[in-house]
Amino acid sequence: MATNVRIFDDAPEPEPEAIGQPVHQRRVSDRLLAAHNYAYATGNRRMADELRDILGLIERDERESYNRRGIDAVERAIRWVALVDARAAVEATEKAVS
């Protein structure tokens, strides 16, 4: 059963240099923050601490270069640690109660 419907017929062809490129670019600090969060959440505290230190260096340079304001990546890392620790404390309390 054939149909003559062509889906996405008017979609533009991607530029040759765009093929294989990610949809959006992430800053190095965003990638380091994600790596830090993953390391901490999986229990690799030493690696998380090292990544947070590197993140602080890169964040400082990015703030100076781009005049950024607001919550920086190191503060986000600290908040993530607090969240993971609080979640672990709640789970431990629930386990002790039951």
C-alpha atoms as a PDB file:
ATOM      1  CA  MET A   1       0.000   0.000   0.000  1.00  0.00           C
ATOM      2  CA  ALA A   2       1.877   3.011  -1.251  1.00  0.00           C
ATOM      3  CA  THR A   3       1.068   6.612  -0.515  1.00  0.00           C
ATOM      4  CA  ASN A   4       2.220   9.817  -2.077  1.00  0.00           C
ATOM      5  CA  VAL A   5       2.710  11.562   1.263  1.00  0.00           C
ATOM      6  CA  ARG A   6       6.227  12.900   1.704  1.00  0.00           C
ATOM      7  CA  ILE A   7       7.081  13.737   5.282  1.00  0.00           C
ATOM      8  CA  PHE A   8       9.602  16.524   5.865  1.00  0.00           C
ATOM      9  CA  ASP A   9       9.846  17.213   2.150  1.00  0.00           C
ATOM     10  CA  ASP A  10      10.474  20.903   2.776  1.00  0.00           C
ATOM     11  CA  ALA A  11      13.093  20.386   5.501  1.00  0.00           C
ATOM     12  CA  PRO A  12      16.336  22.159   4.635  1.00  0.00           C
ATOM     13  CA  GLU A  13      19.394  20.077   3.900  1.00  0.00           C
ATOM     14  CA  PRO A  14      22.103  20.432   6.550  1.00  0.00           C
ATOM     15  CA  GLU A  15      25.217  22.344   5.616  1.00  0.00           C
ATOM     16  CA  PRO A  16      28.114  19.965   4.840  1.00  0.00           C
ATOM     17  CA  GLU A  17      30.297  21.437   7.610  1.00  0.00           C
ATOM     18  CA  ALA A  18      27.444  21.017  10.147  1.00  0.00           C
ATOM     19  CA  ILE A  19      27.097  17.273   9.629  1.00  0.00           C
ATOM     20  CA  GLY A  20      28.379  15.420  12.651  1.00  0.00           C
ATOM     21  CA  GLN A  21      28.437  18.537  14.830  1.00  0.00           C
ATOM     22  CA  PRO A  22      26.461  18.599  18.073  1.00  0.00           C
ATOM     23  CA  VAL A  23      23.233  20.572  18.081  1.00  0.00           C
ATOM     24  CA  HIS A  24      24.684  22.954  20.644  1.00  0.00           C
ATOM     25  CA  GLN A  25      28.143  23.602  21.961  1.00  0.00           C
ATOM     26  CA  ARG A  26      28.836  23.316  25.674  1.00  0.00           C
ATOM     27  CA  ARG A  27      31.445  25.269  27.516  1.00  0.00           C
ATOM     28  CA  VAL A  28      34.272  23.363  29.139  1.00  0.00           C
ATOM     29  CA  SER A  29      32.958  24.438  32.547  1.00  0.00           C
ATOM     30  CA  ASP A  30      29.564  22.860  31.752  1.00  0.00           C
ATOM     31  CA  ARG A  31      31.236  19.577  30.855  1.00  0.00           C
ATOM     32  CA  LEU A  32      33.422  19.639  33.947  1.00  0.00           C
ATOM     33  CA  LEU A  33      30.404  20.356  36.125  1.00  0.00           C
ATOM     34  CA  ALA A  34      28.597  17.359  34.633  1.00  0.00           C
ATOM     35  CA  ALA A  35      31.678  15.188  35.198  1.00  0.00           C
ATOM     36  CA  HIS A  36      31.972  16.439  38.794  1.00  0.00           C
ATOM     37  CA  ASN A  37      28.311  15.713  39.495  1.00  0.00           C
ATOM     38  CA  TYR A  38      28.633  12.218  38.053  1.00  0.00           C
ATOM     39  CA  ALA A  39      31.835  11.473  39.975  1.00  0.00           C
ATOM     40  CA  TYR A  40      30.345  12.624  43.271  1.00  0.00           C
ATOM     41  CA  ALA A  41      27.032  10.849  42.751  1.00  0.00           C
ATOM     42  CA  THR A  42      28.816   7.577  41.972  1.00  0.00           C
ATOM     43  CA  GLY A  43      31.022   7.832  45.053  1.00  0.00           C
ATOM     44  CA  ASN A  44      34.311   8.875  43.459  1.00  0.00           C
ATOM     45  CA  ARG A  45      34.916  11.726  45.912  1.00  0.00           C
ATOM     46  CA  ARG A  46      38.618  12.178  45.123  1.00  0.00           C
ATOM     47  CA  MET A  47      37.919  12.677  41.423  1.00  0.00           C
ATOM     48  CA  ALA A  48      35.003  14.999  42.228  1.00  0.00           C
ATOM     49  CA  ASP A  49      37.279  17.156  44.406  1.00  0.00           C
ATOM     50  CA  GLU A  50      39.913  17.353  41.666  1.00  0.00           C
ATOM     51  CA  LEU A  51      37.308  18.245  39.050  1.00  0.00           C
ATOM     52  CA  ARG A  52      35.868  20.951  41.340  1.00  0.00           C
ATOM     53  CA  ASP A  53      39.355  22.467  41.746  1.00  0.00           C
ATOM     54  CA  ILE A  54      39.894  22.515  37.975  1.00  0.00           C
ATOM     55  CA  LEU A  55      36.402  23.885  37.518  1.00  0.00           C
ATOM     56  CA  GLY A  56      37.276  26.757  39.831  1.00  0.00           C
ATOM     57  CA  LEU A  57      40.301  27.686  37.716  1.00  0.00           C
ATOM     58  CA  ILE A  58      38.375  27.583  34.454  1.00  0.00           C
ATOM     59  CA  GLU A  59      35.385  29.405  35.914  1.00  0.00           C
ATOM     60  CA  ARG A  60      37.612  32.202  37.186  1.00  0.00           C
ATOM     61  CA  ASP A  61      39.126  32.635  33.724  1.00  0.00           C
ATOM     62  CA  GLU A  62      35.709  32.548  32.022  1.00  0.00           C
ATOM     63  CA  ARG A  63      34.267  35.119  34.441  1.00  0.00           C
ATOM     64  CA  GLU A  64      37.154  37.488  33.773  1.00  0.00           C
ATOM     65  CA  SER A  65      37.061  36.972  30.009  1.00  0.00           C
ATOM     66  CA  TYR A  66      33.300  37.164  29.506  1.00  0.00           C
ATOM     67  CA  ASN A  67      32.243  39.326  32.480  1.00  0.00           C
ATOM     68  CA  ARG A  68      29.810  36.649  33.703  1.00  0.00           C
ATOM     69  CA  ARG A  69      27.543  37.143  36.693  1.00  0.00           C
ATOM     70  CA  GLY A  70      25.266  34.924  38.723  1.00  0.00           C
ATOM     71  CA  ILE A  71      25.840  31.506  40.225  1.00  0.00           C
ATOM     72  CA  ASP A  72      29.106  30.106  38.969  1.00  0.00           C
ATOM     73  CA  ALA A  73      29.855  26.477  38.214  1.00  0.00           C
ATOM     74  CA  VAL A  74      31.732  25.917  41.481  1.00  0.00           C
ATOM     75  CA  GLU A  75      28.704  27.079  43.460  1.00  0.00           C
ATOM     76  CA  ARG A  76      26.551  24.697  41.405  1.00  0.00           C
ATOM     77  CA  ALA A  77      28.998  21.877  42.245  1.00  0.00           C
ATOM     78  CA  ILE A  78      28.792  22.723  45.955  1.00  0.00           C
ATOM     79  CA  ARG A  79      24.997  22.712  45.780  1.00  0.00           C
ATOM     80  CA  TRP A  80      25.047  19.336  43.999  1.00  0.00           C
ATOM     81  CA  VAL A  81      27.204  17.866  46.767  1.00  0.00           C
ATOM     82  CA  ALA A  82      24.779  19.191  49.375  1.00  0.00           C
ATOM     83  CA  LEU A  83      21.841  17.669  47.476  1.00  0.00           C
ATOM     84  CA  VAL A  84      23.483  14.251  47.130  1.00  0.00           C
ATOM     85  CA  ASP A  85      24.519  14.252  50.791  1.00  0.00           C
ATOM     86  CA  ALA A  86      21.026  15.280  51.926  1.00  0.00           C
ATOM     87  CA  ARG A  87      19.467  12.560  49.794  1.00  0.00           C
ATOM     88  CA  ALA A  88      21.847   9.984  51.280  1.00  0.00           C
ATOM     89  CA  ALA A  89      20.968  11.161  54.796  1.00  0.00           C
ATOM     90  CA  VAL A  90      17.244  10.812  54.085  1.00  0.00           C
ATOM     91  CA  GLU A  91      17.755   7.325  52.664  1.00  0.00           C
ATOM     92  CA  ALA A  92      19.811   6.313  55.718  1.00  0.00           C
ATOM     93  CA  THR A  93      17.137   7.653  58.071  1.00  0.00           C
ATOM     94  CA  GLU A  94      14.385   5.832  56.197  1.00  0.00           C
ATOM     95  CA  LYS A  95      16.400   2.623  56.299  1.00  0.00           C
ATOM     96  CA  ALA A  96      17.006   2.972  60.066  1.00  0.00           C
ATOM     97  CA  VAL A  97      13.310   3.614  60.742  1.00  0.00           C
ATOM     98  CA  SER A  98      12.063   0.631  58.754  1.00  0.00           C
END
